[in-house]
N, C-alpha and C. Protein backbone atom coordinates (compact mmCIF):
# COMPACT_ATOMS: atom_id res chain seq x y z
N MET A 1 0.82 -1.19 0.00
CA MET A 1 0.00 0.00 0.00
C MET A 1 0.87 1.25 0.00
N MET A 2 1.93 1.25 0.78
CA MET A 2 2.83 2.40 0.84
C MET A 2 3.51 2.63 -0.51
N ASP A 3 3.81 1.53 -1.23
CA ASP A 3 4.43 1.68 -2.54
C ASP A 3 3.48 2.41 -3.50
N LEU A 4 2.20 2.10 -3.43
CA LEU A 4 1.20 2.74 -4.27
C LEU A 4 1.12 4.23 -3.96
N ILE A 5 1.12 4.57 -2.71
CA ILE A 5 1.05 5.98 -2.30
C ILE A 5 2.30 6.72 -2.76
N LYS A 6 3.45 6.09 -2.64
CA LYS A 6 4.69 6.73 -3.07
C LYS A 6 4.69 6.95 -4.59
N ARG A 7 4.21 5.95 -5.35
CA ARG A 7 4.15 6.10 -6.80
C ARG A 7 3.18 7.20 -7.20
N LEU A 8 2.05 7.30 -6.53
CA LEU A 8 1.09 8.35 -6.85
C LEU A 8 1.63 9.73 -6.51
N ALA A 9 2.39 9.83 -5.43
CA ALA A 9 2.95 11.11 -5.03
C ALA A 9 4.02 11.58 -6.01
N VAL A 10 4.77 10.64 -6.58
CA VAL A 10 5.86 10.97 -7.50
C VAL A 10 5.34 11.17 -8.92
N GLU A 11 4.34 10.43 -9.31
CA GLU A 11 3.82 10.47 -10.67
C GLU A 11 3.14 11.81 -10.94
N GLU A 12 3.52 12.45 -12.03
CA GLU A 12 2.97 13.76 -12.36
C GLU A 12 2.14 13.75 -13.63
N GLN A 13 1.87 12.61 -14.17
CA GLN A 13 1.15 12.52 -15.44
C GLN A 13 -0.27 13.06 -15.31
N GLY A 14 -0.94 12.80 -14.21
CA GLY A 14 -2.30 13.27 -14.02
C GLY A 14 -2.38 14.69 -13.51
N ALA A 15 -1.24 15.29 -13.20
CA ALA A 15 -1.24 16.65 -12.65
C ALA A 15 -1.74 17.66 -13.68
N ASP A 16 -1.38 17.48 -14.94
CA ASP A 16 -1.82 18.41 -15.98
C ASP A 16 -3.34 18.40 -16.10
N ALA A 17 -3.92 17.22 -16.10
CA ALA A 17 -5.37 17.13 -16.21
C ALA A 17 -6.06 17.77 -15.02
N THR A 18 -5.49 17.60 -13.85
CA THR A 18 -6.05 18.21 -12.65
C THR A 18 -5.96 19.72 -12.71
N GLU A 19 -4.83 20.22 -13.17
CA GLU A 19 -4.67 21.68 -13.29
C GLU A 19 -5.64 22.26 -14.30
N TYR A 20 -5.83 21.58 -15.42
CA TYR A 20 -6.78 22.06 -16.43
C TYR A 20 -8.21 22.02 -15.88
N ALA A 21 -8.53 21.00 -15.11
CA ALA A 21 -9.86 20.91 -14.53
C ALA A 21 -10.10 22.04 -13.54
N LEU A 22 -9.11 22.34 -12.72
CA LEU A 22 -9.23 23.46 -11.77
C LEU A 22 -9.36 24.78 -12.51
N LEU A 23 -8.59 24.97 -13.56
CA LEU A 23 -8.67 26.20 -14.34
C LEU A 23 -10.03 26.34 -15.00
N ALA A 24 -10.53 25.25 -15.56
CA ALA A 24 -11.85 25.28 -16.20
C ALA A 24 -12.95 25.57 -15.19
N SER A 25 -12.83 25.04 -14.00
CA SER A 25 -13.85 25.30 -12.98
C SER A 25 -13.80 26.76 -12.52
N LEU A 26 -12.62 27.34 -12.42
CA LEU A 26 -12.51 28.75 -12.05
C LEU A 26 -13.10 29.65 -13.13
N VAL A 27 -12.87 29.31 -14.39
CA VAL A 27 -13.45 30.08 -15.50
C VAL A 27 -14.96 29.97 -15.46
N ALA A 28 -15.48 28.77 -15.19
CA ALA A 28 -16.93 28.59 -15.13
C ALA A 28 -17.54 29.40 -13.99
N VAL A 29 -16.89 29.42 -12.85
CA VAL A 29 -17.40 30.21 -11.72
C VAL A 29 -17.38 31.69 -12.07
N ALA A 30 -16.32 32.15 -12.72
CA ALA A 30 -16.24 33.56 -13.10
C ALA A 30 -17.35 33.91 -14.10
N LEU A 31 -17.62 33.02 -15.04
CA LEU A 31 -18.70 33.27 -16.00
C LEU A 31 -20.06 33.31 -15.33
N ILE A 32 -20.28 32.43 -14.39
CA ILE A 32 -21.56 32.40 -13.68
C ILE A 32 -21.74 33.67 -12.86
N VAL A 33 -20.71 34.08 -12.16
CA VAL A 33 -20.80 35.30 -11.35
C VAL A 33 -21.02 36.51 -12.25
N GLY A 34 -20.30 36.58 -13.34
CA GLY A 34 -20.45 37.70 -14.28
C GLY A 34 -21.83 37.73 -14.91
N ALA A 35 -22.33 36.57 -15.32
CA ALA A 35 -23.66 36.51 -15.93
C ALA A 35 -24.74 36.87 -14.93
N THR A 36 -24.56 36.48 -13.70
CA THR A 36 -25.54 36.81 -12.66
C THR A 36 -25.57 38.31 -12.41
N ALA A 37 -24.41 38.91 -12.31
CA ALA A 37 -24.34 40.36 -12.06
C ALA A 37 -24.86 41.15 -13.25
N LEU A 38 -24.50 40.72 -14.44
CA LEU A 38 -24.92 41.42 -15.65
C LEU A 38 -26.38 41.14 -15.98
N GLY A 39 -26.85 39.96 -15.61
CA GLY A 39 -28.23 39.57 -15.92
C GLY A 39 -29.25 40.50 -15.29
N GLY A 40 -29.02 40.92 -14.08
CA GLY A 40 -29.95 41.83 -13.41
C GLY A 40 -30.01 43.18 -14.11
N LYS A 41 -28.86 43.67 -14.55
CA LYS A 41 -28.82 44.95 -15.25
C LYS A 41 -29.53 44.86 -16.60
N ILE A 42 -29.31 43.77 -17.31
CA ILE A 42 -29.97 43.59 -18.61
C ILE A 42 -31.48 43.48 -18.42
N ASN A 43 -31.89 42.79 -17.39
CA ASN A 43 -33.32 42.67 -17.09
C ASN A 43 -33.92 44.04 -16.83
N ASN A 44 -33.22 44.89 -16.09
CA ASN A 44 -33.71 46.25 -15.83
C ASN A 44 -33.84 47.06 -17.11
N VAL A 45 -32.89 46.90 -18.03
CA VAL A 45 -32.95 47.63 -19.30
C VAL A 45 -34.17 47.18 -20.10
N PHE A 46 -34.40 45.88 -20.18
CA PHE A 46 -35.56 45.39 -20.94
C PHE A 46 -36.87 45.83 -20.29
N ASN A 47 -36.93 45.83 -18.97
CA ASN A 47 -38.14 46.30 -18.30
C ASN A 47 -38.38 47.78 -18.57
N SER A 48 -37.32 48.56 -18.58
CA SER A 48 -37.43 49.98 -18.87
C SER A 48 -37.94 50.21 -20.30
N VAL A 49 -37.39 49.48 -21.25
CA VAL A 49 -37.84 49.59 -22.64
C VAL A 49 -39.30 49.17 -22.76
N GLN A 50 -39.67 48.10 -22.09
CA GLN A 50 -41.05 47.62 -22.13
C GLN A 50 -42.01 48.67 -21.56
N ASN A 51 -41.63 49.28 -20.44
CA ASN A 51 -42.48 50.30 -19.83
C ASN A 51 -42.64 51.52 -20.73
N LYS A 52 -41.57 51.90 -21.43
CA LYS A 52 -41.65 53.04 -22.33
C LYS A 52 -42.51 52.73 -23.55
N MET A 53 -42.50 51.48 -23.98
CA MET A 53 -43.32 51.10 -25.16
C MET A 53 -44.80 51.04 -24.79
N VAL A 54 -45.10 50.65 -23.57
CA VAL A 54 -46.49 50.52 -23.12
C VAL A 54 -47.10 51.90 -22.90
N SER A 55 -46.31 52.85 -22.34
CA SER A 55 -46.90 54.16 -22.04
C SER A 55 -47.00 55.05 -23.24
């Protein structure tokens, strides 16, 4: 069992995939936060346009 743990600690082949997965998850979180913040503003603009068209 200790040999397996030592080989996993030394082996770096899966490190690239892990780094790319972490980077992709950070980009996804940034997109979600940005879309959420921007979504409210866009909704306000559309509501304003709708109100001006109705009146």
